Amino acid sequence: MTHVPNYLDQYWPITQDFGVIDAPINDVTAAYMSWWSLTGKPATRQDVRGGLGAALEALFPLNTRLDRRILVPCAGNRTAFFQNGFDGSAPAMTMRSLARKLRVRAYRICRKSGQFTAPETALEIYTPKQLGGDDTGFRRSLRAWKEEGVWHFAERGTPLRFEAAEQPEAGFDPDMLGRYLAHLGLDALSEAFFDGSTDTAAQLFQTNTTRADTPNYSMLDVLSGAPWAGSA
């Protein structure tokens, strides 16, 4: 059984869908700032110290604008990426862009329990062409989700070398996701993976996109299902 640390459970609205980049935080920060500058939207940046819990706490309030995002240093000179979405960090576009810019591998890691939305497990891998990606930086994706009581599975890209022994079409669940990450040398669902965040400051970026028609939510709001009220 894959061990998931308490803080990933505690902040599940954010951590149920997040990104990881195979590069140290200083390199990722510089690349992210360069990439973000192309949007023409000003953003502030600040250090956040105190480990993963403090980094995730800095993302509140949650909303659909995704106006706060944070880079967190991790083991093995890797960096995690989270945004302040109440239904996950929506990391795909950022991971794909940074993988190409830094010429490294990046990942989207998703394990939605289905408390208020459909359950889903997904792994997406992005790489530049030099590492086997296509022209858009895509390499491989696997996704299992439940819709109207029926589980579905979809995959895209050339299977990885170790996949023959896993048979993901038989049930790509959180345990299999953990095994895939282990094969990739990426223990992103373990407490030890985020140990580096206690020694090096995380980097918080914030944009000023306040709008009256997109409300903010606290953790208590999300736990009560407030963002999804009336959506059924």
Protein backbone atom coordinates (compact mmCIF):
# COMPACT_ATOMS: atom_id res chain seq x y z
CA MET A 1 0.00 0.00 0.00
CA THR A 2 1.36 3.41 -0.98
CA HIS A 3 1.99 5.61 2.06
CA VAL A 4 0.64 9.13 1.74
CA PRO A 5 1.85 11.64 4.35
CA ASN A 6 -0.69 13.39 6.55
CA TYR A 7 -0.08 16.84 5.10
CA LEU A 8 -0.96 15.63 1.59
CA ASP A 9 -4.24 14.34 3.01
CA GLN A 10 -4.80 17.46 5.08
CA TYR A 11 -4.54 19.75 2.06
CA TRP A 12 -6.21 17.38 -0.40
CA PRO A 13 -8.06 20.03 -2.44
CA ILE A 14 -4.65 21.22 -3.64
CA THR A 15 -2.59 18.05 -3.40
CA GLN A 16 -4.93 15.64 -5.18
CA ASP A 17 -3.52 16.92 -8.49
CA PHE A 18 -0.03 18.44 -8.60
CA GLY A 19 3.16 18.63 -10.64
CA VAL A 20 6.81 17.61 -10.22
CA ILE A 21 9.79 18.73 -12.29
CA ASP A 22 13.15 16.95 -12.54
CA ALA A 23 15.15 20.10 -11.77
CA PRO A 24 16.27 21.99 -8.62
CA ILE A 25 14.15 24.86 -7.36
CA ASN A 26 16.56 27.65 -8.37
CA ASP A 27 16.53 26.49 -12.00
CA VAL A 28 12.77 25.99 -11.98
CA THR A 29 12.16 29.40 -10.40
CA ALA A 30 14.23 31.16 -13.06
CA ALA A 31 12.54 29.25 -15.88
CA TYR A 32 9.09 29.85 -14.43
CA MET A 33 9.68 33.60 -14.11
CA SER A 34 10.92 33.77 -17.70
CA TRP A 35 7.93 31.78 -18.96
CA TRP A 36 5.41 33.76 -16.91
CA SER A 37 6.82 37.07 -18.14
CA LEU A 38 5.53 36.18 -21.59
CA THR A 39 1.96 36.45 -20.32
CA GLY A 40 2.38 40.16 -19.59
CA LYS A 41 0.69 39.70 -16.20
CA PRO A 42 2.62 41.08 -13.21
CA ALA A 43 3.26 38.68 -10.33
CA THR A 44 4.81 39.08 -6.91
CA ARG A 45 7.27 36.53 -5.52
CA GLN A 46 8.15 35.73 -1.92
CA ASP A 47 10.00 33.10 0.11
CA VAL A 48 7.93 30.72 2.23
CA ARG A 49 9.77 28.80 4.92
CA GLY A 50 8.58 26.10 7.28
CA GLY A 51 8.17 23.03 5.10
CA LEU A 52 5.39 21.68 2.90
CA GLY A 53 2.59 22.50 5.33
CA ALA A 54 3.55 26.18 5.41
CA ALA A 55 3.89 26.23 1.63
CA LEU A 56 0.42 24.80 1.08
CA GLU A 57 -1.11 27.07 3.72
CA ALA A 58 0.27 30.06 1.79
CA LEU A 59 -1.94 29.18 -1.18
CA PHE A 60 -5.21 29.93 0.62
CA PRO A 61 -7.85 31.09 -0.18
CA LEU A 62 -8.76 28.61 -2.94
CA ASN A 63 -10.64 29.60 -6.08
CA THR A 64 -10.98 28.97 -9.82
CA ARG A 65 -8.67 31.86 -10.79
CA LEU A 66 -5.52 29.98 -9.74
CA ASP A 67 -3.96 33.28 -8.71
CA ARG A 68 -1.45 31.74 -6.31
CA ARG A 69 1.13 29.10 -7.15
CA ILE A 70 4.11 27.76 -5.28
CA LEU A 71 7.32 25.87 -6.11
CA VAL A 72 8.47 23.52 -3.36
CA PRO A 73 12.00 22.00 -3.17
CA CYS A 74 12.03 18.21 -2.99
CA ALA A 75 14.43 15.30 -2.67
CA GLY A 76 16.72 14.42 -5.54
CA ASN A 77 16.99 18.01 -6.82
CA ARG A 78 13.37 18.00 -7.88
CA THR A 79 10.67 20.64 -7.47
CA ALA A 80 6.93 20.26 -6.81
CA PHE A 81 4.32 22.67 -8.18
CA PHE A 82 0.99 23.50 -6.55
CA GLN A 83 -1.74 26.06 -7.32
CA ASN A 84 -4.66 27.28 -5.23
CA GLY A 85 -7.44 25.47 -7.05
CA PHE A 86 -10.17 23.93 -4.90
CA ASP A 87 -10.27 20.90 -7.22
CA GLY A 88 -6.53 20.39 -7.61
CA SER A 89 -3.50 22.29 -8.84
CA ALA A 90 -4.17 21.88 -12.60
CA PRO A 91 -0.43 21.54 -13.35
CA ALA A 92 -0.48 20.17 -16.91
CA MET A 93 0.21 23.33 -18.92
CA THR A 94 2.94 24.54 -16.57
CA MET A 95 4.65 21.14 -16.46
CA ARG A 96 4.65 20.79 -20.23
CA SER A 97 6.08 24.28 -20.71
CA LEU A 98 8.80 23.96 -18.07
CA ALA A 99 9.84 20.50 -19.29
CA ARG A 100 10.53 21.97 -22.71
CA LYS A 101 12.19 25.11 -21.36
CA LEU A 102 14.48 23.26 -18.94
CA ARG A 103 14.94 20.19 -21.18
CA VAL A 104 13.99 17.81 -18.37
CA ARG A 105 11.15 15.48 -17.50
CA ALA A 106 8.06 16.77 -15.68
CA TYR A 107 4.95 15.04 -14.36
CA ARG A 108 1.31 15.56 -13.51
CA ILE A 109 0.30 13.33 -10.57
CA CYS A 110 -3.42 12.98 -9.88
CA ARG A 111 -5.33 10.92 -7.31
CA LYS A 112 -8.82 12.31 -6.76
CA SER A 113 -10.85 10.41 -4.18
CA GLY A 114 -14.23 11.39 -5.55
CA GLN A 115 -15.59 13.02 -2.40
CA PHE A 116 -17.30 15.81 -4.34
CA THR A 117 -16.24 15.13 -7.93
CA ALA A 118 -15.62 11.96 -9.95
CA PRO A 119 -12.72 9.80 -8.67
CA GLU A 120 -9.70 9.80 -10.92
CA THR A 121 -6.13 8.51 -11.01
CA ALA A 122 -3.75 9.88 -13.63
CA LEU A 123 -0.08 10.15 -14.52
CA GLU A 124 1.13 12.41 -17.31
CA ILE A 125 4.76 12.67 -18.36
CA TYR A 126 6.18 15.58 -20.34
CA THR A 127 9.63 15.66 -21.92
CA PRO A 128 11.41 17.64 -24.65
CA LYS A 129 12.16 15.92 -27.93
CA GLN A 130 15.70 15.15 -26.74
CA LEU A 131 14.19 12.84 -24.09
CA GLY A 132 11.57 11.21 -26.28
CA GLY A 133 8.74 13.73 -26.23
CA ASP A 134 6.81 14.92 -29.26
CA ASP A 135 6.85 18.43 -30.72
CA THR A 136 4.52 19.67 -27.96
CA GLY A 137 6.56 18.16 -25.11
CA PHE A 138 4.20 15.23 -24.48
CA ARG A 139 5.56 11.74 -23.68
CA ARG A 140 3.01 9.46 -21.94
CA SER A 141 -0.31 9.54 -20.07
CA LEU A 142 -2.47 7.04 -18.22
CA ARG A 143 -5.84 7.89 -16.71
CA ALA A 144 -8.61 5.97 -14.93
CA TRP A 145 -11.84 7.72 -13.91
CA LYS A 146 -15.37 6.88 -12.85
CA GLU A 147 -18.34 8.29 -14.73
CA GLU A 148 -21.99 7.43 -14.04
CA GLY A 149 -20.91 4.44 -11.96
CA VAL A 150 -18.62 2.98 -14.63
CA TRP A 151 -14.81 2.99 -14.56
CA HIS A 152 -12.99 4.02 -17.73
CA PHE A 153 -9.33 3.81 -18.74
CA ALA A 154 -7.44 5.81 -21.37
CA GLU A 155 -3.79 5.93 -22.34
CA ARG A 156 -1.72 7.85 -24.83
CA GLY A 157 1.88 7.70 -25.97
CA THR A 158 4.39 4.86 -26.22
CA PRO A 159 4.35 2.62 -23.10
CA LEU A 160 7.35 2.89 -20.80
CA ARG A 161 9.75 -0.03 -20.61
CA PHE A 162 8.50 -1.34 -17.25
CA GLU A 163 4.79 -1.22 -18.11
CA ALA A 164 4.50 -4.74 -19.50
CA ALA A 165 4.56 -6.09 -15.95
CA GLU A 166 1.97 -3.64 -14.63
CA GLN A 167 -1.03 -4.03 -17.00
CA PRO A 168 -2.54 -0.61 -16.21
CA GLU A 169 -5.66 -1.29 -18.27
CA ALA A 170 -6.67 -3.80 -15.57
CA GLY A 171 -6.95 -1.06 -12.95
CA PHE A 172 -4.85 2.09 -12.80
CA ASP A 173 -5.53 2.92 -9.15
CA PRO A 174 -3.54 4.94 -6.57
CA ASP A 175 -1.48 1.88 -5.60
CA MET A 176 -0.45 1.30 -9.22
CA LEU A 177 0.29 5.01 -9.54
CA GLY A 178 2.67 4.65 -6.60
CA ARG A 179 4.41 1.72 -8.31
CA TYR A 180 4.76 3.69 -11.54
CA LEU A 181 6.35 6.55 -9.65
CA ALA A 182 8.72 4.10 -7.94
CA HIS A 183 9.77 2.73 -11.34
CA LEU A 184 10.49 6.31 -12.37
CA GLY A 185 12.55 6.92 -9.23
CA LEU A 186 9.97 9.44 -8.11
CA ASP A 187 8.65 8.78 -4.59
CA ALA A 188 6.29 11.77 -4.71
CA LEU A 189 3.66 10.21 -2.44
CA SER A 190 6.04 9.71 0.48
CA GLU A 191 6.86 12.05 3.33
CA ALA A 192 10.61 11.83 2.64
CA PHE A 193 10.17 13.31 -0.83
CA PHE A 194 9.35 16.72 0.63
CA ASP A 195 12.09 16.77 3.28
CA GLY A 196 14.04 19.39 1.34
CA SER A 197 11.26 21.92 1.84
CA THR A 198 12.27 22.36 5.49
CA ASP A 199 15.80 23.55 4.57
CA THR A 200 15.18 25.67 1.47
CA ALA A 201 12.48 28.28 1.00
CA ALA A 202 9.57 27.54 -1.29
CA GLN A 203 8.74 30.23 -3.86
CA LEU A 204 5.23 31.72 -3.83
CA PHE A 205 3.93 33.65 -6.84
CA GLN A 206 0.75 35.70 -6.73
CA THR A 207 -1.16 37.59 -9.40
CA ASN A 208 -3.82 40.22 -8.71
CA THR A 209 -6.90 38.80 -10.42
CA THR A 210 -9.64 39.54 -7.88
CA ARG A 211 -13.13 39.24 -9.37
CA ALA A 212 -16.47 39.46 -7.59
CA ASP A 213 -17.95 36.61 -9.66
CA THR A 214 -15.26 34.09 -8.64
CA PRO A 215 -15.48 33.56 -4.87
CA ASN A 216 -12.69 32.49 -2.55
CA TYR A 217 -12.96 29.39 -0.35
CA SER A 218 -11.42 28.37 2.95
CA MET A 219 -10.57 24.79 3.85
CA LEU A 220 -13.81 24.55 5.86
CA ASP A 221 -15.75 25.74 2.79
CA VAL A 222 -14.19 23.02 0.66
CA LEU A 223 -14.71 20.30 3.28
CA SER A 224 -18.40 21.22 3.41
CA GLY A 225 -18.69 20.97 -0.39
CA ALA A 226 -19.46 24.69 -0.84
CA PRO A 227 -17.65 25.09 -4.22
CA TRP A 228 -19.82 22.37 -5.76
CA ALA A 229 -23.14 23.33 -4.14
CA GLY A 230 -25.87 23.55 -6.75
CA SER A 231 -23.69 22.07 -9.51
CA ALA A 232 -25.40 18.68 -9.57
